[in-house]
C-alpha cells in the first residue's frame, strides 16, 4: 500500500467502520477509567479506615499519600491507605490536625 492509498482509506466503507469502532472504543475506555477512579477511591477509603477503631473510622478524614482528601472528616483524625510499596495491612490512622 502506497502513501496515496493510505490517505484515501477513510473513504471506503470498511475503513470508515474501523475508524468508528476505534473512536467508540476510545470513548468507552475514557468512561471506564473515570468510573474506575471512583471505585479506586472507595477502595482506598475502605483500606485506610480498616486500621482505625470503629469510633474513629466514623468521623476520620481520609487522604491519599499525595495529600488529596478522599473523604472529609469532622474530627482530628486522618487515615491513610496502605502506602506505596507496602504489603499487608498496617496501622494507618494518625492523630494529626487537619
C-alpha atoms as a PDB file:
ATOM      1  CA  UNK A   1       0.000   0.000   0.000  1.00  0.00           C
ATOM      2  CA  UNK A   2       1.499   3.322  -1.023  1.00  0.00           C
ATOM      3  CA  UNK A   3       1.024   6.744   0.598  1.00  0.00           C
ATOM      4  CA  UNK A   4      -1.842   7.818  -1.673  1.00  0.00           C
ATOM      5  CA  UNK A   5      -3.780   4.624  -0.939  1.00  0.00           C
ATOM      6  CA  UNK A   6      -3.374   5.150   2.826  1.00  0.00           C
ATOM      7  CA  UNK A   7      -4.636   8.719   2.508  1.00  0.00           C
ATOM      8  CA  UNK A   8      -7.891   7.586   0.904  1.00  0.00           C
ATOM      9  CA  UNK A   9      -8.590   4.675   3.258  1.00  0.00           C
ATOM     10  CA  UNK A  10     -11.152   6.678   5.254  1.00  0.00           C
ATOM     11  CA  UNK A  11     -13.383   6.946   2.209  1.00  0.00           C
ATOM     12  CA  UNK A  12     -14.075   3.199   1.949  1.00  0.00           C
ATOM     13  CA  UNK A  13     -16.990   1.790   3.984  1.00  0.00           C
ATOM     14  CA  UNK A  14     -14.849  -0.821   5.752  1.00  0.00           C
ATOM     15  CA  UNK A  15     -12.190   1.728   6.704  1.00  0.00           C
ATOM     16  CA  UNK A  16     -14.855   4.089   7.986  1.00  0.00           C
ATOM     17  CA  UNK A  17     -16.287   1.274  10.130  1.00  0.00           C
ATOM     18  CA  UNK A  18     -12.851   0.549  11.584  1.00  0.00           C
ATOM     19  CA  UNK A  19     -12.406   4.238  12.374  1.00  0.00           C
ATOM     20  CA  UNK A  20     -15.835   4.446  14.047  1.00  0.00           C
ATOM     21  CA  UNK A  21     -15.081   1.348  16.136  1.00  0.00           C
ATOM     22  CA  UNK A  22     -11.731   2.823  17.189  1.00  0.00           C
ATOM     23  CA  UNK A  23     -13.381   6.088  18.247  1.00  0.00           C
ATOM     24  CA  UNK A  24     -16.124   4.243  20.137  1.00  0.00           C
ATOM     25  CA  UNK A  25     -13.526   2.088  21.881  1.00  0.00           C
ATOM     26  CA  UNK A  26     -11.593   5.179  22.954  1.00  0.00           C
ATOM     27  CA  UNK A  27     -14.730   6.782  24.385  1.00  0.00           C
ATOM     28  CA  UNK A  28     -15.576   3.587  26.289  1.00  0.00           C
ATOM     29  CA  UNK A  29     -12.063   3.399  27.747  1.00  0.00           C
ATOM     30  CA  UNK A  30     -12.217   7.017  28.886  1.00  0.00           C
ATOM     31  CA  UNK A  31     -15.579   6.474  30.582  1.00  0.00           C
ATOM     32  CA  UNK A  32     -14.408   3.235  32.192  1.00  0.00           C
ATOM     33  CA  UNK A  33     -11.299   4.981  33.512  1.00  0.00           C
ATOM     34  CA  UNK A  34     -13.439   7.632  35.132  1.00  0.00           C
ATOM     35  CA  UNK A  35     -15.644   5.015  36.820  1.00  0.00           C
ATOM     36  CA  UNK A  36     -12.588   3.008  37.898  1.00  0.00           C
ATOM     37  CA  UNK A  37     -11.158   6.097  39.567  1.00  0.00           C
ATOM     38  CA  UNK A  38     -14.292   6.493  41.689  1.00  0.00           C
ATOM     39  CA  UNK A  39     -14.198   2.800  42.580  1.00  0.00           C
ATOM     40  CA  UNK A  40     -10.491   3.148  43.317  1.00  0.00           C
ATOM     41  CA  UNK A  41     -11.191   5.970  45.794  1.00  0.00           C
ATOM     42  CA  UNK A  42     -13.774   3.817  47.553  1.00  0.00           C
ATOM     43  CA  UNK A  43     -11.225   1.014  47.874  1.00  0.00           C
ATOM     44  CA  UNK A  44      -8.583   3.406  49.240  1.00  0.00           C
ATOM     45  CA  UNK A  45     -11.050   4.797  51.787  1.00  0.00           C
ATOM     46  CA  UNK A  46     -12.026   1.309  52.912  1.00  0.00           C
ATOM     47  CA  UNK A  47      -8.370   0.310  53.238  1.00  0.00           C
ATOM     48  CA  UNK A  48      -7.484   3.448  55.200  1.00  0.00           C
ATOM     49  CA  UNK A  49     -10.392   3.118  57.618  1.00  0.00           C
ATOM     50  CA  UNK A  50      -9.750  -0.580  58.204  1.00  0.00           C
ATOM     51  CA  UNK A  51      -6.875   0.298  60.545  1.00  0.00           C
ATOM     52  CA  UNK A  52      -8.910   2.672  62.704  1.00  0.00           C
ATOM     53  CA  UNK A  53     -11.098   1.691  65.644  1.00  0.00           C
ATOM     54  CA  UNK A  54     -14.786   1.911  64.648  1.00  0.00           C
ATOM     55  CA  UNK A  55     -15.463   5.062  66.703  1.00  0.00           C
ATOM     56  CA  UNK A  56     -12.629   6.893  64.964  1.00  0.00           C
ATOM     57  CA  UNK A  57     -13.393   5.488  61.498  1.00  0.00           C
ATOM     58  CA  UNK A  58     -16.891   7.006  61.632  1.00  0.00           C
ATOM     59  CA  UNK A  59     -15.578  10.559  61.570  1.00  0.00           C
ATOM     60  CA  UNK A  60     -11.953  10.387  60.414  1.00  0.00           C
ATOM     61  CA  UNK A  61     -10.701  12.300  57.410  1.00  0.00           C
ATOM     62  CA  UNK A  62      -9.129  10.116  54.696  1.00  0.00           C
ATOM     63  CA  UNK A  63      -6.302  11.323  52.462  1.00  0.00           C
ATOM     64  CA  UNK A  64      -4.192   9.533  49.890  1.00  0.00           C
ATOM     65  CA  UNK A  65      -0.394   9.612  50.010  1.00  0.00           C
ATOM     66  CA  UNK A  66      -0.330  12.717  47.807  1.00  0.00           C
ATOM     67  CA  UNK A  67      -2.408  14.617  50.360  1.00  0.00           C
ATOM     68  CA  UNK A  68      -5.582  14.556  48.276  1.00  0.00           C
ATOM     69  CA  UNK A  69      -8.638  14.413  50.507  1.00  0.00           C
ATOM     70  CA  UNK A  70     -10.702  11.320  49.712  1.00  0.00           C
ATOM     71  CA  UNK A  71     -13.237  11.837  52.494  1.00  0.00           C
ATOM     72  CA  UNK A  72     -13.924  14.833  54.678  1.00  0.00           C
ATOM     73  CA  UNK A  73     -13.779  14.256  58.410  1.00  0.00           C
ATOM     74  CA  UNK A  74     -15.281  16.003  61.377  1.00  0.00           C
ATOM     75  CA  UNK A  75     -12.600  15.347  63.992  1.00  0.00           C
ATOM     76  CA  UNK A  76      -8.838  15.445  64.348  1.00  0.00           C
ATOM     77  CA  UNK A  77      -8.029  12.005  62.894  1.00  0.00           C
ATOM     78  CA  UNK A  78      -6.577  11.414  59.435  1.00  0.00           C
ATOM     79  CA  UNK A  79      -6.371   7.906  57.980  1.00  0.00           C
ATOM     80  CA  UNK A  80      -4.155   6.920  55.061  1.00  0.00           C
ATOM     81  CA  UNK A  81      -4.378   3.802  52.869  1.00  0.00           C
ATOM     82  CA  UNK A  82      -1.597   1.249  52.698  1.00  0.00           C
ATOM     83  CA  UNK A  83       1.413   3.124  51.368  1.00  0.00           C
ATOM     84  CA  UNK A  84       3.158   2.628  48.060  1.00  0.00           C
ATOM     85  CA  UNK A  85       5.406  -0.413  48.196  1.00  0.00           C
ATOM     86  CA  UNK A  86       3.864  -1.688  51.432  1.00  0.00           C
ATOM     87  CA  UNK A  87       2.124  -5.013  51.606  1.00  0.00           C
ATOM     88  CA  UNK A  88      -0.389  -6.254  54.091  1.00  0.00           C
ATOM     89  CA  UNK A  89      -2.445  -4.242  56.475  1.00  0.00           C
ATOM     90  CA  UNK A  90      -0.693  -1.690  58.659  1.00  0.00           C
ATOM     91  CA  UNK A  91      -1.859   0.846  61.222  1.00  0.00           C
ATOM     92  CA  UNK A  92      -2.580   3.935  59.185  1.00  0.00           C
ATOM     93  CA  UNK A  93      -4.619   6.192  61.452  1.00  0.00           C
ATOM     94  CA  UNK A  94      -2.885   9.302  62.709  1.00  0.00           C
ATOM     95  CA  UNK A  95      -3.913  11.871  65.274  1.00  0.00           C
ATOM     96  CA  UNK A  96      -2.906  14.988  63.383  1.00  0.00           C
ATOM     97  CA  UNK A  97      -4.524  18.373  62.995  1.00  0.00           C
ATOM     98  CA  UNK A  98      -6.322  18.992  59.729  1.00  0.00           C
END
